[in-house]
């Protein structure tokens, strides 16, 4: 949404509608930009929801473990600890 707003702000600063045809072209461009970004947002959310349906949600503990492995705090395969009897 911010990208759309920045792009539209830039176009408004650079455009000078001197006649009704240019004004109509600006309004049409605005409509097309809004339609593009609305569709991008819709399909992005739809893809996110589809991915969540396919992959079961992880518990908070599992997400923390995955993060710790990703940043190298722990190894991916935990070392089995030996019991005092061995």
N, C-alpha and C. Protein backbone atom coordinates (compact mmCIF):
# COMPACT_ATOMS: atom_id res chain seq x y z
N UNK A 1 0.83 -1.18 0.00
CA UNK A 1 0.00 0.00 0.00
C UNK A 1 0.88 1.26 0.00
N UNK A 2 1.98 1.19 0.73
CA UNK A 2 2.88 2.35 0.73
C UNK A 2 3.51 2.58 -0.63
N UNK A 3 3.85 1.50 -1.31
CA UNK A 3 4.43 1.62 -2.65
C UNK A 3 3.44 2.30 -3.59
N UNK A 4 2.20 1.88 -3.53
CA UNK A 4 1.17 2.49 -4.38
C UNK A 4 1.04 3.98 -4.06
N UNK A 5 1.01 4.31 -2.77
CA UNK A 5 0.87 5.71 -2.39
C UNK A 5 2.06 6.55 -2.84
N UNK A 6 3.27 6.01 -2.69
CA UNK A 6 4.47 6.75 -3.12
C UNK A 6 4.48 6.92 -4.64
N UNK A 7 4.13 5.86 -5.35
CA UNK A 7 4.09 5.94 -6.80
C UNK A 7 3.05 6.96 -7.26
N UNK A 8 1.88 6.92 -6.66
CA UNK A 8 0.83 7.86 -7.05
C UNK A 8 1.24 9.30 -6.72
N UNK A 9 1.87 9.49 -5.56
CA UNK A 9 2.33 10.83 -5.18
C UNK A 9 3.36 11.34 -6.19
N UNK A 10 4.28 10.48 -6.57
CA UNK A 10 5.29 10.87 -7.57
C UNK A 10 4.64 11.24 -8.89
N UNK A 11 3.70 10.42 -9.35
CA UNK A 11 3.04 10.70 -10.62
C UNK A 11 2.24 12.00 -10.56
N UNK A 12 1.62 12.28 -9.44
CA UNK A 12 0.86 13.52 -9.30
C UNK A 12 1.78 14.74 -9.36
N UNK A 13 2.99 14.60 -8.78
CA UNK A 13 3.94 15.72 -8.82
C UNK A 13 4.45 15.98 -10.23
N UNK A 14 4.63 14.92 -11.01
CA UNK A 14 5.22 15.03 -12.34
C UNK A 14 4.19 15.32 -13.42
N UNK A 15 2.93 15.06 -13.17
CA UNK A 15 1.91 15.21 -14.20
C UNK A 15 1.32 16.62 -14.17
N UNK A 16 1.03 17.10 -15.35
CA UNK A 16 0.35 18.38 -15.49
C UNK A 16 -0.79 18.19 -16.48
N UNK A 17 -1.98 18.06 -15.96
CA UNK A 17 -3.15 17.87 -16.82
C UNK A 17 -3.62 19.24 -17.30
N UNK A 18 -3.32 19.54 -18.56
CA UNK A 18 -3.69 20.83 -19.14
C UNK A 18 -5.06 20.81 -19.79
N UNK A 19 -5.55 19.61 -20.07
CA UNK A 19 -6.85 19.56 -20.73
C UNK A 19 -7.62 18.34 -20.22
N UNK A 20 -8.82 18.22 -20.66
CA UNK A 20 -9.71 17.17 -20.17
C UNK A 20 -9.22 15.78 -20.56
N UNK A 21 -8.57 15.66 -21.72
CA UNK A 21 -8.06 14.35 -22.17
C UNK A 21 -6.94 13.89 -21.25
N UNK A 22 -6.03 14.78 -20.90
CA UNK A 22 -4.93 14.43 -19.99
C UNK A 22 -5.46 14.11 -18.59
N UNK A 23 -6.46 14.86 -18.14
CA UNK A 23 -7.07 14.59 -16.85
C UNK A 23 -7.72 13.21 -16.85
N UNK A 24 -8.41 12.90 -17.92
CA UNK A 24 -9.04 11.58 -18.05
C UNK A 24 -7.97 10.48 -18.03
N UNK A 25 -6.85 10.71 -18.72
CA UNK A 25 -5.75 9.73 -18.74
C UNK A 25 -5.18 9.53 -17.34
N UNK A 26 -5.04 10.61 -16.57
CA UNK A 26 -4.55 10.50 -15.19
C UNK A 26 -5.50 9.68 -14.33
N UNK A 27 -6.78 9.94 -14.48
CA UNK A 27 -7.76 9.19 -13.70
C UNK A 27 -7.78 7.71 -14.08
N UNK A 28 -7.62 7.43 -15.37
CA UNK A 28 -7.56 6.05 -15.82
C UNK A 28 -6.31 5.35 -15.28
N UNK A 29 -5.19 6.06 -15.29
CA UNK A 29 -3.96 5.50 -14.74
C UNK A 29 -4.13 5.21 -13.25
N UNK A 30 -4.75 6.11 -12.53
CA UNK A 30 -5.00 5.89 -11.11
C UNK A 30 -5.86 4.64 -10.90
N UNK A 31 -6.88 4.49 -11.71
CA UNK A 31 -7.74 3.32 -11.59
C UNK A 31 -6.96 2.03 -11.87
N UNK A 32 -6.12 2.04 -12.90
CA UNK A 32 -5.33 0.85 -13.24
C UNK A 32 -4.31 0.53 -12.14
N UNK A 33 -3.68 1.56 -11.58
CA UNK A 33 -2.74 1.32 -10.48
C UNK A 33 -3.44 0.73 -9.26
N UNK A 34 -4.58 1.29 -8.92
CA UNK A 34 -5.34 0.76 -7.79
C UNK A 34 -5.75 -0.68 -8.03
N UNK A 35 -6.19 -0.97 -9.25
CA UNK A 35 -6.60 -2.34 -9.58
C UNK A 35 -5.40 -3.30 -9.49
N UNK A 36 -4.24 -2.88 -9.99
CA UNK A 36 -3.04 -3.71 -9.92
C UNK A 36 -2.67 -4.02 -8.48
N UNK A 37 -2.60 -2.99 -7.65
CA UNK A 37 -2.18 -3.21 -6.27
C UNK A 37 -3.25 -3.96 -5.46
N UNK A 38 -4.52 -3.74 -5.76
CA UNK A 38 -5.57 -4.50 -5.09
C UNK A 38 -5.46 -5.98 -5.42
N UNK A 39 -5.21 -6.29 -6.69
CA UNK A 39 -5.06 -7.69 -7.09
C UNK A 39 -3.80 -8.31 -6.47
N UNK A 40 -2.71 -7.56 -6.46
CA UNK A 40 -1.47 -8.07 -5.86
C UNK A 40 -1.69 -8.40 -4.39
N UNK A 41 -2.37 -7.53 -3.69
CA UNK A 41 -2.66 -7.76 -2.27
C UNK A 41 -3.57 -8.96 -2.09
N UNK A 42 -4.61 -9.05 -2.92
CA UNK A 42 -5.56 -10.17 -2.82
C UNK A 42 -4.85 -11.50 -3.05
N UNK A 43 -4.07 -11.61 -4.13
CA UNK A 43 -3.42 -12.88 -4.43
C UNK A 43 -2.30 -13.19 -3.43
N UNK A 44 -1.67 -12.17 -2.89
CA UNK A 44 -0.68 -12.40 -1.85
C UNK A 44 -1.31 -13.00 -0.61
N UNK A 45 -2.43 -12.46 -0.18
CA UNK A 45 -3.15 -12.99 0.99
C UNK A 45 -3.67 -14.38 0.69
N UNK A 46 -4.21 -14.58 -0.50
CA UNK A 46 -4.73 -15.89 -0.88
C UNK A 46 -3.61 -16.94 -0.86
N UNK A 47 -2.44 -16.61 -1.39
CA UNK A 47 -1.31 -17.54 -1.36
C UNK A 47 -0.84 -17.83 0.05
N UNK A 48 -0.83 -16.82 0.90
CA UNK A 48 -0.44 -17.00 2.29
C UNK A 48 -1.40 -17.96 3.00
N UNK A 49 -2.70 -17.77 2.78
CA UNK A 49 -3.68 -18.64 3.41
C UNK A 49 -3.57 -20.07 2.88
N UNK A 50 -3.32 -20.23 1.59
CA UNK A 50 -3.17 -21.57 1.02
C UNK A 50 -1.95 -22.28 1.61
N UNK A 51 -0.86 -21.55 1.76
CA UNK A 51 0.34 -22.14 2.34
C UNK A 51 0.09 -22.56 3.78
N UNK A 52 -0.66 -21.78 4.52
CA UNK A 52 -0.96 -22.15 5.91
C UNK A 52 -1.86 -23.37 6.00
N UNK A 53 -2.73 -23.57 5.01
CA UNK A 53 -3.58 -24.77 5.02
C UNK A 53 -2.78 -26.03 4.74
N UNK A 54 -1.74 -25.93 3.91
CA UNK A 54 -0.93 -27.09 3.54
C UNK A 54 0.06 -27.48 4.63
N UNK A 55 0.55 -26.52 5.35
CA UNK A 55 1.57 -26.77 6.37
C UNK A 55 0.92 -26.59 7.74
N UNK A 56 0.93 -27.64 8.56
CA UNK A 56 0.33 -27.48 9.88
C UNK A 56 1.09 -26.43 10.70
N UNK A 57 0.38 -25.64 11.49
CA UNK A 57 1.06 -24.60 12.27
C UNK A 57 2.02 -25.20 13.29
N UNK A 58 3.12 -24.54 13.52
CA UNK A 58 4.11 -24.99 14.50
C UNK A 58 3.81 -24.37 15.85
N UNK A 59 4.24 -25.08 16.87
CA UNK A 59 4.09 -24.54 18.21
C UNK A 59 5.12 -23.42 18.41
N UNK A 60 4.93 -22.63 19.45
CA UNK A 60 5.87 -21.55 19.74
C UNK A 60 7.26 -22.11 20.00
N UNK A 61 7.33 -23.24 20.72
CA UNK A 61 8.62 -23.85 21.04
C UNK A 61 9.33 -24.31 19.76
N UNK A 62 8.60 -24.90 18.82
CA UNK A 62 9.20 -25.35 17.57
C UNK A 62 9.71 -24.17 16.75
N UNK A 63 8.96 -23.06 16.73
CA UNK A 63 9.41 -21.87 15.99
C UNK A 63 10.68 -21.29 16.60
N UNK A 64 10.77 -21.30 17.94
CA UNK A 64 11.97 -20.81 18.62
C UNK A 64 13.15 -21.71 18.30
N UNK A 65 12.93 -23.04 18.32
CA UNK A 65 14.02 -23.97 17.97
C UNK A 65 14.49 -23.75 16.53
N UNK A 66 13.54 -23.60 15.61
CA UNK A 66 13.90 -23.37 14.20
C UNK A 66 14.71 -22.09 14.05
N UNK A 67 14.32 -21.04 14.77
CA UNK A 67 15.05 -19.79 14.72
C UNK A 67 16.46 -19.95 15.29
N UNK A 68 16.57 -20.67 16.41
CA UNK A 68 17.88 -20.89 17.02
C UNK A 68 18.80 -21.66 16.08
N UNK A 69 18.27 -22.63 15.37
CA UNK A 69 19.07 -23.38 14.39
C UNK A 69 19.45 -22.47 13.24
N UNK A 70 18.51 -21.66 12.77
CA UNK A 70 18.77 -20.79 11.63
C UNK A 70 19.87 -19.78 11.90
N UNK A 71 19.96 -19.28 13.11
CA UNK A 71 20.99 -18.28 13.41
C UNK A 71 22.23 -18.90 14.05
N UNK A 72 22.25 -20.25 14.15
CA UNK A 72 23.46 -20.95 14.59
C UNK A 72 23.65 -21.06 16.09
N UNK A 73 22.61 -20.84 16.87
CA UNK A 73 22.75 -20.97 18.32
C UNK A 73 22.80 -22.43 18.76
N UNK A 74 22.12 -23.29 18.04
CA UNK A 74 22.12 -24.72 18.35
C UNK A 74 22.27 -25.48 17.04
N UNK A 75 22.69 -26.75 17.14
CA UNK A 75 22.80 -27.56 15.93
C UNK A 75 21.44 -28.11 15.56
N UNK A 76 21.31 -28.49 14.31
CA UNK A 76 20.04 -29.01 13.82
C UNK A 76 19.71 -30.36 14.42
N UNK A 77 20.75 -31.14 14.76
CA UNK A 77 20.56 -32.46 15.36
C UNK A 77 21.07 -32.42 16.79
N UNK A 78 20.17 -32.48 17.75
CA UNK A 78 20.62 -32.40 19.15
C UNK A 78 21.51 -33.59 19.51
N UNK A 79 22.52 -33.31 20.32
CA UNK A 79 23.45 -34.34 20.79
C UNK A 79 22.77 -35.06 21.93
N UNK A 80 22.80 -36.42 21.85
CA UNK A 80 22.20 -37.20 22.92
C UNK A 80 23.11 -37.15 24.14
N UNK A 81 22.53 -36.83 25.26
CA UNK A 81 23.33 -36.78 26.47
C UNK A 81 23.47 -38.17 27.04
N UNK A 82 24.63 -38.45 27.60
CA UNK A 82 24.86 -39.76 28.20
C UNK A 82 24.40 -39.73 29.65
N UNK A 83 23.79 -40.83 30.04
CA UNK A 83 23.32 -40.91 31.43
C UNK A 83 24.51 -41.21 32.33
N UNK A 84 24.44 -40.87 33.59
CA UNK A 84 25.57 -41.09 34.52
C UNK A 84 25.91 -42.58 34.67
N UNK A 85 24.98 -43.47 34.35
CA UNK A 85 25.26 -44.89 34.51
C UNK A 85 26.19 -45.40 33.43
N UNK A 86 26.34 -44.74 32.32
CA UNK A 86 27.17 -45.23 31.22
C UNK A 86 28.60 -44.86 31.39
